Amino acid sequence: MNKDYSLWSVRGLLFIFDIENTRDINREEIIVSKDVNDDRELSELFDVLLKPEFFDYGEKERQRLIDTLVYFLDCGDTFDEVFKKMDTYFDDEVLDQRQFMRVLLDRLRVYQLEGKEA
């Protein structure tokens, strides 16, 4: 079953936070203004920057991202594959990568519901 899921899709979604992404001063300021180790602030960051990106995906692709996160969280993955390959604008190191992904999953589920209701 692991062959059906890849963290590359999650990595692609999170590319908005990567230094390799096109330079955007406003986006960078938003990113550094948030504490990525605080669930509330991380949720706010996702709502501002990630939500629009998420809706660039089709409904099936969005559900696939959610399913991928569920799968890797259930497997106990550390998400090192994502975080070690990402150089971000975050001011702080992500202390609990699994919690970061749980917050991400929660927000993606909310967005997916909003998309179905619209």
PDB file of N, CA and C in Angstrom:
ATOM      1  N   MET A   1       0.818  -1.206   0.000  1.00  0.00           N
ATOM      2  CA  MET A   1       0.000   0.000   0.000  1.00  0.00           C
ATOM      3  C   MET A   1       0.858   1.263   0.000  1.00  0.00           C
ATOM      4  N   ASN A   2       2.025   1.205   0.588  1.00  0.00           N
ATOM      5  CA  ASN A   2       2.908   2.363   0.629  1.00  0.00           C
ATOM      6  C   ASN A   2       3.212   2.877  -0.778  1.00  0.00           C
ATOM      7  N   LYS A   3       3.220   1.993  -1.789  1.00  0.00           N
ATOM      8  CA  LYS A   3       3.521   2.408  -3.150  1.00  0.00           C
ATOM      9  C   LYS A   3       2.446   3.335  -3.700  1.00  0.00           C
ATOM     10  N   ASP A   4       1.255   3.277  -3.116  1.00  0.00           N
ATOM     11  CA  ASP A   4       0.158   4.128  -3.573  1.00  0.00           C
ATOM     12  C   ASP A   4       0.280   5.560  -3.072  1.00  0.00           C
ATOM     13  N   TYR A   5       1.062   5.760  -2.036  1.00  0.00           N
ATOM     14  CA  TYR A   5       1.184   7.083  -1.428  1.00  0.00           C
ATOM     15  C   TYR A   5       2.622   7.555  -1.480  1.00  0.00           C
ATOM     16  N   SER A   6       2.784   8.840  -1.725  1.00  0.00           N
ATOM     17  CA  SER A   6       4.117   9.427  -1.789  1.00  0.00           C
ATOM     18  C   SER A   6       4.105  10.771  -1.077  1.00  0.00           C
ATOM     19  N   LEU A   7       5.141  11.000  -0.295  1.00  0.00           N
ATOM     20  CA  LEU A   7       5.253  12.279   0.393  1.00  0.00           C
ATOM     21  C   LEU A   7       5.651  13.404  -0.559  1.00  0.00           C
ATOM     22  N   TRP A   8       5.987  13.072  -1.798  1.00  0.00           N
ATOM     23  CA  TRP A   8       6.326  14.120  -2.766  1.00  0.00           C
ATOM     24  C   TRP A   8       5.138  15.030  -3.016  1.00  0.00           C
ATOM     25  N   SER A   9       3.942  14.482  -2.960  1.00  0.00           N
ATOM     26  CA  SER A   9       2.764  15.328  -3.171  1.00  0.00           C
ATOM     27  C   SER A   9       2.612  16.333  -2.031  1.00  0.00           C
ATOM     28  N   VAL A  10       2.897  15.898  -0.817  1.00  0.00           N
ATOM     29  CA  VAL A  10       2.840  16.791   0.338  1.00  0.00           C
ATOM     30  C   VAL A  10       3.955  17.827   0.228  1.00  0.00           C
ATOM     31  N   ARG A  11       5.122  17.377  -0.157  1.00  0.00           N
ATOM     32  CA  ARG A  11       6.264  18.270  -0.354  1.00  0.00           C
ATOM     33  C   ARG A  11       5.932  19.342  -1.398  1.00  0.00           C
ATOM     34  N   GLY A  12       5.256  18.931  -2.456  1.00  0.00           N
ATOM     35  CA  GLY A  12       4.854  19.876  -3.490  1.00  0.00           C
ATOM     36  C   GLY A  12       3.902  20.925  -2.963  1.00  0.00           C
ATOM     37  N   LEU A  13       2.958  20.520  -2.136  1.00  0.00           N
ATOM     38  CA  LEU A  13       2.011  21.464  -1.542  1.00  0.00           C
ATOM     39  C   LEU A  13       2.726  22.456  -0.632  1.00  0.00           C
ATOM     40  N   LEU A  14       3.694  21.981   0.112  1.00  0.00           N
ATOM     41  CA  LEU A  14       4.415  22.830   1.059  1.00  0.00           C
ATOM     42  C   LEU A  14       5.506  23.681   0.401  1.00  0.00           C
ATOM     43  N   PHE A  15       5.668  23.541  -0.897  1.00  0.00           N
ATOM     44  CA  PHE A  15       6.703  24.300  -1.611  1.00  0.00           C
ATOM     45  C   PHE A  15       6.518  25.806  -1.445  1.00  0.00           C
ATOM     46  N   ILE A  16       5.318  26.238  -1.148  1.00  0.00           N
ATOM     47  CA  ILE A  16       5.049  27.670  -0.946  1.00  0.00           C
ATOM     48  C   ILE A  16       5.915  28.256   0.174  1.00  0.00           C
ATOM     49  N   PHE A  17       6.352  27.423   1.103  1.00  0.00           N
ATOM     50  CA  PHE A  17       7.165  27.881   2.229  1.00  0.00           C
ATOM     51  C   PHE A  17       8.665  27.752   1.972  1.00  0.00           C
ATOM     52  N   ASP A  18       9.038  27.208   0.830  1.00  0.00           N
ATOM     53  CA  ASP A  18      10.427  26.912   0.508  1.00  0.00           C
ATOM     54  C   ASP A  18      11.146  28.149  -0.043  1.00  0.00           C
ATOM     55  N   ILE A  19      12.395  28.295   0.357  1.00  0.00           N
ATOM     56  CA  ILE A  19      13.221  29.403  -0.125  1.00  0.00           C
ATOM     57  C   ILE A  19      13.427  29.305  -1.636  1.00  0.00           C
ATOM     58  N   GLU A  20      13.378  28.108  -2.169  1.00  0.00           N
ATOM     59  CA  GLU A  20      13.548  27.904  -3.608  1.00  0.00           C
ATOM     60  C   GLU A  20      12.367  28.446  -4.407  1.00  0.00           C
ATOM     61  N   ASN A  21      11.250  28.705  -3.741  1.00  0.00           N
ATOM     62  CA  ASN A  21      10.075  29.248  -4.408  1.00  0.00           C
ATOM     63  C   ASN A  21      10.379  30.689  -4.830  1.00  0.00           C
ATOM     64  N   THR A  22       9.668  31.155  -5.842  1.00  0.00           N
ATOM     65  CA  THR A  22       9.867  32.512  -6.345  1.00  0.00           C
ATOM     66  C   THR A  22       9.822  33.519  -5.209  1.00  0.00           C
ATOM     67  N   ARG A  23      10.715  34.440  -5.235  1.00  0.00           N
ATOM     68  CA  ARG A  23      10.832  35.454  -4.176  1.00  0.00           C
ATOM     69  C   ARG A  23       9.581  36.329  -4.121  1.00  0.00           C
ATOM     70  N   ASP A  24       9.011  36.414  -2.936  1.00  0.00           N
ATOM     71  CA  ASP A  24       7.813  37.225  -2.706  1.00  0.00           C
ATOM     72  C   ASP A  24       7.935  37.787  -1.287  1.00  0.00           C
ATOM     73  N   ILE A  25       8.291  39.049  -1.187  1.00  0.00           N
ATOM     74  CA  ILE A  25       8.552  39.680   0.109  1.00  0.00           C
ATOM     75  C   ILE A  25       7.336  39.604   1.022  1.00  0.00           C
ATOM     76  N   ASN A  26       6.153  39.856   0.502  1.00  0.00           N
ATOM     77  CA  ASN A  26       4.940  39.810   1.331  1.00  0.00           C
ATOM     78  C   ASN A  26       4.733  38.420   1.916  1.00  0.00           C
ATOM     79  N   ARG A  27       4.894  37.386   1.076  1.00  0.00           N
ATOM     80  CA  ARG A  27       4.730  36.010   1.554  1.00  0.00           C
ATOM     81  C   ARG A  27       5.788  35.694   2.614  1.00  0.00           C
ATOM     82  N   GLU A  28       7.029  36.099   2.360  1.00  0.00           N
ATOM     83  CA  GLU A  28       8.108  35.849   3.312  1.00  0.00           C
ATOM     84  C   GLU A  28       7.814  36.500   4.660  1.00  0.00           C
ATOM     85  N   GLU A  29       7.305  37.722   4.647  1.00  0.00           N
ATOM     86  CA  GLU A  29       6.983  38.427   5.897  1.00  0.00           C
ATOM     87  C   GLU A  29       5.873  37.716   6.663  1.00  0.00           C
ATOM     88  N   ILE A  30       4.892  37.208   5.944  1.00  0.00           N
ATOM     89  CA  ILE A  30       3.813  36.463   6.602  1.00  0.00           C
ATOM     90  C   ILE A  30       4.383  35.212   7.253  1.00  0.00           C
ATOM     91  N   ILE A  31       5.233  34.496   6.536  1.00  0.00           N
ATOM     92  CA  ILE A  31       5.801  33.245   7.050  1.00  0.00           C
ATOM     93  C   ILE A  31       6.615  33.495   8.318  1.00  0.00           C
ATOM     94  N   VAL A  32       7.504  34.481   8.285  1.00  0.00           N
ATOM     95  CA  VAL A  32       8.368  34.711   9.451  1.00  0.00           C
ATOM     96  C   VAL A  32       7.603  35.326  10.623  1.00  0.00           C
ATOM     97  N   SER A  33       6.414  35.853  10.378  1.00  0.00           N
ATOM     98  CA  SER A  33       5.638  36.446  11.469  1.00  0.00           C
ATOM     99  C   SER A  33       4.926  35.392  12.320  1.00  0.00           C
ATOM    100  N   LYS A  34       4.920  34.162  11.865  1.00  0.00           N
ATOM    101  CA  LYS A  34       4.185  33.095  12.565  1.00  0.00           C
ATOM    102  C   LYS A  34       5.140  32.118  13.239  1.00  0.00           C
ATOM    103  N   ASP A  35       4.710  31.637  14.390  1.00  0.00           N
ATOM    104  CA  ASP A  35       5.441  30.604  15.117  1.00  0.00           C
ATOM    105  C   ASP A  35       4.931  29.252  14.621  1.00  0.00           C
ATOM    106  N   VAL A  36       5.750  28.551  13.858  1.00  0.00           N
ATOM    107  CA  VAL A  36       5.326  27.279  13.272  1.00  0.00           C
ATOM    108  C   VAL A  36       5.200  26.165  14.303  1.00  0.00           C
ATOM    109  N   ASN A  37       5.585  26.436  15.526  1.00  0.00           N
ATOM    110  CA  ASN A  37       5.445  25.450  16.592  1.00  0.00           C
ATOM    111  C   ASN A  37       4.221  25.734  17.475  1.00  0.00           C
ATOM    112  N   ASP A  38       3.453  26.713  17.099  1.00  0.00           N
ATOM    113  CA  ASP A  38       2.207  27.045  17.788  1.00  0.00           C
ATOM    114  C   ASP A  38       1.063  26.656  16.845  1.00  0.00           C
ATOM    115  N   ASP A  39       0.215  25.731  17.273  1.00  0.00           N
ATOM    116  CA  ASP A  39      -0.836  25.201  16.404  1.00  0.00           C
ATOM    117  C   ASP A  39      -1.752  26.280  15.847  1.00  0.00           C
ATOM    118  N   ARG A  40      -2.102  27.241  16.664  1.00  0.00           N
ATOM    119  CA  ARG A  40      -3.009  28.309  16.226  1.00  0.00           C
ATOM    120  C   ARG A  40      -2.349  29.168  15.147  1.00  0.00           C
ATOM    121  N   GLU A  41      -1.109  29.571  15.400  1.00  0.00           N
ATOM    122  CA  GLU A  41      -0.411  30.405  14.423  1.00  0.00           C
ATOM    123  C   GLU A  41      -0.105  29.631  13.142  1.00  0.00           C
ATOM    124  N   LEU A  42       0.209  28.351  13.275  1.00  0.00           N
ATOM    125  CA  LEU A  42       0.451  27.519  12.105  1.00  0.00           C
ATOM    126  C   LEU A  42      -0.826  27.400  11.277  1.00  0.00           C
ATOM    127  N   SER A  43      -1.947  27.223  11.944  1.00  0.00           N
ATOM    128  CA  SER A  43      -3.241  27.162  11.249  1.00  0.00           C
ATOM    129  C   SER A  43      -3.514  28.465  10.505  1.00  0.00           C
ATOM    130  N   GLU A  44      -3.224  29.574  11.147  1.00  0.00           N
ATOM    131  CA  GLU A  44      -3.410  30.881  10.497  1.00  0.00           C
ATOM    132  C   GLU A  44      -2.528  31.001   9.262  1.00  0.00           C
ATOM    133  N   LEU A  45      -1.297  30.549   9.377  1.00  0.00           N
ATOM    134  CA  LEU A  45      -0.370  30.584   8.248  1.00  0.00           C
ATOM    135  C   LEU A  45      -0.901  29.746   7.091  1.00  0.00           C
ATOM    136  N   PHE A  46      -1.363  28.543   7.401  1.00  0.00           N
ATOM    137  CA  PHE A  46      -1.936  27.683   6.368  1.00  0.00           C
ATOM    138  C   PHE A  46      -3.159  28.344   5.727  1.00  0.00           C
ATOM    139  N   ASP A  47      -4.004  28.958   6.553  1.00  0.00           N
ATOM    140  CA  ASP A  47      -5.221  29.580   6.026  1.00  0.00           C
ATOM    141  C   ASP A  47      -4.899  30.708   5.048  1.00  0.00           C
ATOM    142  N   VAL A  48      -3.878  31.468   5.355  1.00  0.00           N
ATOM    143  CA  VAL A  48      -3.533  32.617   4.506  1.00  0.00           C
ATOM    144  C   VAL A  48      -2.808  32.185   3.233  1.00  0.00           C
ATOM    145  N   LEU A  49      -1.839  31.300   3.366  1.00  0.00           N
ATOM    146  CA  LEU A  49      -0.980  30.982   2.219  1.00  0.00           C
ATOM    147  C   LEU A  49      -1.279  29.647   1.544  1.00  0.00           C
ATOM    148  N   LEU A  50      -1.636  28.654   2.306  1.00  0.00           N
ATOM    149  CA  LEU A  50      -1.773  27.319   1.740  1.00  0.00           C
ATOM    150  C   LEU A  50      -3.161  27.049   1.172  1.00  0.00           C
ATOM    151  N   LYS A  51      -4.167  27.617   1.778  1.00  0.00           N
ATOM    152  CA  LYS A  51      -5.536  27.365   1.328  1.00  0.00           C
ATOM    153  C   LYS A  51      -5.728  27.691  -0.155  1.00  0.00           C
ATOM    154  N   PRO A  52      -5.293  28.861  -0.626  1.00  0.00           N
ATOM    155  CA  PRO A  52      -5.449  29.138  -2.063  1.00  0.00           C
ATOM    156  C   PRO A  52      -4.690  28.132  -2.942  1.00  0.00           C
ATOM    157  N   GLU A  53      -3.515  27.711  -2.499  1.00  0.00           N
ATOM    158  CA  GLU A  53      -2.734  26.715  -3.235  1.00  0.00           C
ATOM    159  C   GLU A  53      -3.479  25.391  -3.303  1.00  0.00           C
ATOM    160  N   PHE A  54      -4.075  25.003  -2.190  1.00  0.00           N
ATOM    161  CA  PHE A  54      -4.812  23.744  -2.093  1.00  0.00           C
ATOM    162  C   PHE A  54      -5.945  23.716  -3.111  1.00  0.00           C
ATOM    163  N   PHE A  55      -6.607  24.839  -3.302  1.00  0.00           N
ATOM    164  CA  PHE A  55      -7.727  24.881  -4.237  1.00  0.00           C
ATOM    165  C   PHE A  55      -7.284  24.972  -5.692  1.00  0.00           C
ATOM    166  N   ASP A  56      -5.982  25.084  -5.932  1.00  0.00           N
ATOM    167  CA  ASP A  56      -5.471  24.963  -7.293  1.00  0.00           C
ATOM    168  C   ASP A  56      -5.512  23.506  -7.760  1.00  0.00           C
ATOM    169  N   TYR A  57      -5.607  22.592  -6.807  1.00  0.00           N
ATOM    170  CA  TYR A  57      -5.703  21.167  -7.105  1.00  0.00           C
ATOM    171  C   TYR A  57      -7.175  20.809  -7.362  1.00  0.00           C
ATOM    172  N   GLY A  58      -7.388  19.768  -8.152  1.00  0.00           N
ATOM    173  CA  GLY A  58      -8.738  19.256  -8.354  1.00  0.00           C
ATOM    174  C   GLY A  58      -9.213  18.549  -7.095  1.00  0.00           C
ATOM    175  N   GLU A  59     -10.521  18.289  -7.013  1.00  0.00           N
ATOM    176  CA  GLU A  59     -11.080  17.670  -5.806  1.00  0.00           C
ATOM    177  C   GLU A  59     -10.443  16.312  -5.508  1.00  0.00           C
ATOM    178  N   LYS A  60     -10.219  15.495  -6.530  1.00  0.00           N
ATOM    179  CA  LYS A  60      -9.607  14.181  -6.312  1.00  0.00           C
ATOM    180  C   LYS A  60      -8.169  14.322  -5.822  1.00  0.00           C
ATOM    181  N   GLU A  61      -7.438  15.273  -6.382  1.00  0.00           N
ATOM    182  CA  GLU A  61      -6.058  15.502  -5.944  1.00  0.00           C
ATOM    183  C   GLU A  61      -6.023  15.984  -4.501  1.00  0.00           C
ATOM    184  N   ARG A  62      -6.976  16.849  -4.143  1.00  0.00           N
ATOM    185  CA  ARG A  62      -7.043  17.345  -2.761  1.00  0.00           C
ATOM    186  C   ARG A  62      -7.324  16.193  -1.802  1.00  0.00           C
ATOM    187  N   GLN A  63      -8.249  15.324  -2.177  1.00  0.00           N
ATOM    188  CA  GLN A  63      -8.565  14.181  -1.311  1.00  0.00           C
ATOM    189  C   GLN A  63      -7.370  13.245  -1.219  1.00  0.00           C
ATOM    190  N   ARG A  64      -6.642  13.114  -2.296  1.00  0.00           N
ATOM    191  CA  ARG A  64      -5.451  12.259  -2.306  1.00  0.00           C
ATOM    192  C   ARG A  64      -4.384  12.794  -1.344  1.00  0.00           C
ATOM    193  N   LEU A  65      -4.218  14.110  -1.285  1.00  0.00           N
ATOM    194  CA  LEU A  65      -3.292  14.707  -0.322  1.00  0.00           C
ATOM    195  C   LEU A  65      -3.712  14.395   1.106  1.00  0.00           C
ATOM    196  N   ILE A  66      -4.991  14.523   1.371  1.00  0.00           N
ATOM    197  CA  ILE A  66      -5.516  14.217   2.702  1.00  0.00           C
ATOM    198  C   ILE A  66      -5.271  12.747   3.036  1.00  0.00           C
ATOM    199  N   ASP A  67      -5.599  11.871   2.107  1.00  0.00           N
ATOM    200  CA  ASP A  67      -5.407  10.433   2.327  1.00  0.00           C
ATOM    201  C   ASP A  67      -3.932  10.094   2.546  1.00  0.00           C
ATOM    202  N   THR A  68      -3.067  10.780   1.831  1.00  0.00           N
ATOM    203  CA  THR A  68      -1.623  10.554   1.981  1.00  0.00           C
ATOM    204  C   THR A  68      -1.163  10.938   3.379  1.00  0.00           C
ATOM    205  N   LEU A  69      -1.607  12.083   3.859  1.00  0.00           N
ATOM    206  CA  LEU A  69      -1.237  12.499   5.219  1.00  0.00           C
ATOM    207  C   LEU A  69      -1.763  11.522   6.255  1.00  0.00           C
ATOM    208  N   VAL A  70      -3.002  11.093   6.099  1.00  0.00           N
ATOM    209  CA  VAL A  70      -3.582  10.111   7.030  1.00  0.00           C
ATOM    210  C   VAL A  70      -2.739   8.841   7.026  1.00  0.00           C
ATOM    211  N   TYR A  71      -2.401   8.361   5.851  1.00  0.00           N
ATOM    212  CA  TYR A  71      -1.625   7.131   5.732  1.00  0.00           C
ATOM    213  C   TYR A  71      -0.283   7.249   6.477  1.00  0.00           C
ATOM    214  N   PHE A  72       0.467   8.306   6.208  1.00  0.00           N
ATOM    215  CA  PHE A  72       1.791   8.437   6.811  1.00  0.00           C
ATOM    216  C   PHE A  72       1.720   8.747   8.306  1.00  0.00           C
ATOM    217  N   LEU A  73       0.705   9.460   8.736  1.00  0.00           N
ATOM    218  CA  LEU A  73       0.522   9.668  10.182  1.00  0.00           C
ATOM    219  C   LEU A  73       0.187   8.349  10.867  1.00  0.00           C
ATOM    220  N   ASP A  74      -0.688   7.562  10.257  1.00  0.00           N
ATOM    221  CA  ASP A  74      -1.062   6.270  10.828  1.00  0.00           C
ATOM    222  C   ASP A  74       0.111   5.304  10.883  1.00  0.00           C
ATOM    223  N   CYS A  75       1.037   5.429   9.920  1.00  0.00           N
ATOM    224  CA  CYS A  75       2.221   4.550   9.880  1.00  0.00           C
ATOM    225  C   CYS A  75       3.292   4.982  10.876  1.00  0.00           C
ATOM    226  N   GLY A  76       3.122   6.153  11.487  1.00  0.00           N
ATOM    227  CA  GLY A  76       4.122   6.649  12.434  1.00  0.00           C
ATOM    228  C   GLY A  76       5.311   7.311  11.768  1.00  0.00           C
ATOM    229  N   ASP A  77       5.156   7.726  10.516  1.00  0.00           N
ATOM    230  CA  ASP A  77       6.248   8.364   9.786  1.00  0.00           C
ATOM    231  C   ASP A  77       6.714   9.632  10.507  1.00  0.00           C
ATOM    232  N   THR A  78       7.997   9.917  10.400  1.00  0.00           N
ATOM    233  CA  THR A  78       8.573  11.112  11.043  1.00  0.00           C
ATOM    234  C   THR A  78       8.501  12.346  10.140  1.00  0.00           C
ATOM    235  N   PHE A  79       8.250  12.134   8.862  1.00  0.00           N
ATOM    236  CA  PHE A  79       8.190  13.190   7.852  1.00  0.00           C
ATOM    237  C   PHE A  79       9.547  13.833   7.593  1.00  0.00           C
ATOM    238  N   ASP A  80      10.608  13.140   7.975  1.00  0.00           N
ATOM    239  CA  ASP A  80      11.956  13.620   7.664  1.00  0.00           C
ATOM    240  C   ASP A  80      12.142  13.801   6.163  1.00  0.00           C
ATOM    241  N   GLU A  81      11.521  12.913   5.376  1.00  0.00           N
ATOM    242  CA  GLU A  81      11.639  12.971   3.911  1.00  0.00           C
ATOM    243  C   GLU A  81      11.165  14.322   3.372  1.00  0.00           C
ATOM    244  N   VAL A  82      10.203  14.914   4.047  1.00  0.00           N
ATOM    245  CA  VAL A  82       9.690  16.221   3.630  1.00  0.00           C
ATOM    246  C   VAL A  82      10.571  17.339   4.180  1.00  0.00           C
ATOM    247  N   PHE A  83      10.814  17.320   5.472  1.00  0.00           N
ATOM    248  CA  PHE A  83      11.475  18.443   6.131  1.00  0.00           C
ATOM    249  C   PHE A  83      12.967  18.549   5.829  1.00  0.00           C
ATOM    250  N   LYS A  84      13.627  17.436   5.615  1.00  0.00           N
ATOM    251  CA  LYS A  84      15.066  17.496   5.331  1.00  0.00           C
ATOM    252  C   LYS A  84      15.352  17.997   3.926  1.00  0.00           C
ATOM    253  N   LYS A  85      14.353  17.968   3.072  1.00  0.00           N
ATOM    254  CA  LYS A  85      14.543  18.426   1.696  1.00  0.00           C
ATOM    255  C   LYS A  85      13.961  19.807   1.475  1.00  0.00           C
ATOM    256  N   MET A  86      13.553  20.434   2.563  1.00  0.00           N
ATOM    257  CA  MET A  86      12.930  21.740   2.465  1.00  0.00           C
ATOM    258  C   MET A  86      13.752  22.760   3.236  1.00  0.00           C
ATOM    259  N   ASP A  87      14.079  23.836   2.584  1.00  0.00           N
ATOM    260  CA  ASP A  87      14.739  24.956   3.244  1.00  0.00           C
ATOM    261  C   ASP A  87      13.703  26.078   3.247  1.00  0.00           C
ATOM    262  N   THR A  88      13.180  26.387   4.420  1.00  0.00           N
ATOM    263  CA  THR A  88      12.018  27.271   4.492  1.00  0.00           C
ATOM    264  C   THR A  88      12.360  28.658   5.014  1.00  0.00           C
ATOM    265  N   TYR A  89      11.361  29.506   4.920  1.00  0.00           N
ATOM    266  CA  TYR A  89      11.441  30.846   5.500  1.00  0.00           C
ATOM    267  C   TYR A  89      11.063  30.849   6.978  1.00  0.00           C
ATOM    268  N   PHE A  90      10.711  29.694   7.530  1.00  0.00           N
ATOM    269  CA  PHE A  90      10.331  29.648   8.938  1.00  0.00           C
ATOM    270  C   PHE A  90      11.458  30.195   9.800  1.00  0.00           C
ATOM    271  N   ASP A  91      11.096  31.047  10.760  1.00  0.00           N
ATOM    272  CA  ASP A  91      12.099  31.595  11.678  1.00  0.00           C
ATOM    273  C   ASP A  91      12.636  30.524  12.618  1.00  0.00           C
ATOM    274  N   ASP A  92      11.789  29.569  12.963  1.00  0.00           N
ATOM    275  CA  ASP A  92      12.170  28.515  13.903  1.00  0.00           C
ATOM    276  C   ASP A  92      12.155  27.163  13.209  1.00  0.00           C
ATOM    277  N   GLU A  93      12.940  26.255  13.749  1.00  0.00           N
ATOM    278  CA  GLU A  93      12.903  24.877  13.285  1.00  0.00           C
ATOM    279  C   GLU A  93      11.578  24.257  13.743  1.00  0.00           C
ATOM    280  N   VAL A  94      10.994  23.422  12.904  1.00  0.00           N
ATOM    281  CA  VAL A  94       9.778  22.715  13.291  1.00  0.00           C
ATOM    282  C   VAL A  94      10.186  21.662  14.316  1.00  0.00           C
ATOM    283  N   LEU A  95       9.727  21.834  15.558  1.00  0.00           N
ATOM    284  CA  LEU A  95      10.145  20.953  16.648  1.00  0.00           C
ATOM    285  C   LEU A  95       9.447  19.595  16.619  1.00  0.00           C
ATOM    286  N   ASP A  96       8.189  19.571  16.208  1.00  0.00           N
ATOM    287  CA  ASP A  96       7.425  18.328  16.150  1.00  0.00           C
ATOM    288  C   ASP A  96       6.824  18.212  14.750  1.00  0.00           C
ATOM    289  N   GLN A  97       7.535  17.508  13.892  1.00  0.00           N
ATOM    290  CA  GLN A  97       7.119  17.398  12.496  1.00  0.00           C
ATOM    291  C   GLN A  97       5.772  16.699  12.357  1.00  0.00           C
ATOM    292  N   ARG A  98       5.515  15.714  13.193  1.00  0.00           N
ATOM    293  CA  ARG A  98       4.234  15.012  13.132  1.00  0.00           C
ATOM    294  C   ARG A  98       3.090  15.936  13.538  1.00  0.00           C
ATOM    295  N   GLN A  99       3.304  16.786  14.534  1.00  0.00           N
ATOM    296  CA  GLN A  99       2.265  17.739  14.932  1.00  0.00           C
ATOM    297  C   GLN A  99       2.025  18.751  13.820  1.00  0.00           C
ATOM    298  N   PHE A 100       3.070  19.201  13.171  1.00  0.00           N
ATOM    299  CA  PHE A 100       2.951  20.093  12.021  1.00  0.00           C
ATOM    300  C   PHE A 100       2.025  19.450  10.982  1.00  0.00           C
ATOM    301  N   MET A 101       2.262  18.171  10.704  1.00  0.00           N
ATOM    302  CA  MET A 101       1.457  17.464   9.702  1.00  0.00           C
ATOM    303  C   MET A 101       0.029  17.216  10.186  1.00  0.00           C
ATOM    304  N   ARG A 102      -0.155  17.026  11.481  1.00  0.00           N
ATOM    305  CA  ARG A 102      -1.529  16.876  12.012  1.00  0.00           C
ATOM    306  C   ARG A 102      -2.304  18.180  11.837  1.00  0.00           C
ATOM    307  N   VAL A 103      -1.659  19.294  12.111  1.00  0.00           N
ATOM    308  CA  VAL A 103      -2.305  20.600  11.911  1.00  0.00           C
ATOM    309  C   VAL A 103      -2.612  20.791  10.425  1.00  0.00           C
ATOM    310  N   LEU A 104      -1.652  20.447   9.584  1.00  0.00           N
ATOM    311  CA  LEU A 104      -1.870  20.537   8.142  1.00  0.00           C
ATOM    312  C   LEU A 104      -3.069  19.680   7.734  1.00  0.00           C
ATOM    313  N   LEU A 105      -3.118  18.467   8.201  1.00  0.00           N
ATOM    314  CA  LEU A 105      -4.229  17.571   7.871  1.00  0.00           C
ATOM    315  C   LEU A 105      -5.565  18.151   8.327  1.00  0.00           C
ATOM    316  N   ASP A 106      -5.605  18.660   9.533  1.00  0.00           N
ATOM    317  CA  ASP A 106      -6.844  19.268  10.040  1.00  0.00           C
ATOM    318  C   ASP A 106      -7.310  20.410   9.142  1.00  0.00           C
ATOM    319  N   ARG A 107      -6.375  21.269   8.756  1.00  0.00           N
ATOM    320  CA  ARG A 107      -6.742  22.410   7.906  1.00  0.00           C
ATOM    321  C   ARG A 107      -7.177  21.949   6.517  1.00  0.00           C
ATOM    322  N   LEU A 108      -6.484  20.959   5.944  1.00  0.00           N
ATOM    323  CA  LEU A 108      -6.861  20.464   4.615  1.00  0.00           C
ATOM    324  C   LEU A 108      -8.255  19.857   4.636  1.00  0.00           C
ATOM    325  N   ARG A 109      -8.575  19.175   5.719  1.00  0.00           N
ATOM    326  CA  ARG A 109      -9.934  18.613   5.836  1.00  0.00           C
ATOM    327  C   ARG A 109     -10.982  19.727   5.873  1.00  0.00           C
ATOM    328  N   VAL A 110     -10.696  20.789   6.598  1.00  0.00           N
ATOM    329  CA  VAL A 110     -11.615  21.934   6.650  1.00  0.00           C
ATOM    330  C   VAL A 110     -11.776  22.534   5.257  1.00  0.00           C
ATOM    331  N   TYR A 111     -10.669  22.737   4.573  1.00  0.00           N
ATOM    332  CA  TYR A 111     -10.733  23.320   3.232  1.00  0.00           C
ATOM    333  C   TYR A 111     -11.523  22.421   2.282  1.00  0.00           C
ATOM    334  N   GLN A 112     -11.291  21.122   2.379  1.00  0.00           N
ATOM    335  CA  GLN A 112     -11.988  20.185   1.497  1.00  0.00           C
ATOM    336  C   GLN A 112     -13.501  20.249   1.732  1.00  0.00           C
ATOM    337  N   LEU A 113     -13.902  20.336   2.989  1.00  0.00           N
ATOM    338  CA  LEU A 113     -15.339  20.482   3.295  1.00  0.00           C
ATOM    339  C   LEU A 113     -15.886  21.789   2.736  1.00  0.00           C
ATOM    340  N   GLU A 114     -15.128  22.844   2.878  1.00  0.00           N
ATOM    341  CA  GLU A 114     -15.557  24.148   2.347  1.00  0.00           C
ATOM    342  C   GLU A 114     -15.715  24.069   0.827  1.00  0.00           C
ATOM    343  N   GLY A 115     -14.815  23.366   0.177  1.00  0.00           N
ATOM    344  CA  GLY A 115     -14.879  23.217  -1.268  1.00  0.00           C
ATOM    345  C   GLY A 115     -16.094  22.444  -1.726  1.00  0.00           C
ATOM    346  N   LYS A 116     -16.496  21.462  -0.939  1.00  0.00           N
ATOM    347  CA  LYS A 116     -17.681  20.673  -1.281  1.00  0.00           C
ATOM    348  C   LYS A 116     -18.961  21.449  -1.050  1.00  0.00           C
ATOM    349  N   GLU A 117     -18.929  22.342  -0.057  1.00  0.00           N
ATOM    350  CA  GLU A 117     -20.105  23.124   0.268  1.00  0.00           C
ATOM    351  C   GLU A 117     -20.316  24.283  -0.706  1.00  0.00           C
ATOM    352  N   ALA A 118     -19.246  24.693  -1.359  1.00  0.00           N
ATOM    353  CA  ALA A 118     -19.335  25.858  -2.264  1.00  0.00           C
ATOM    354  C   ALA A 118     -20.003  25.508  -3.592  1.00  0.00           C
TER     355      ALA A 118
END
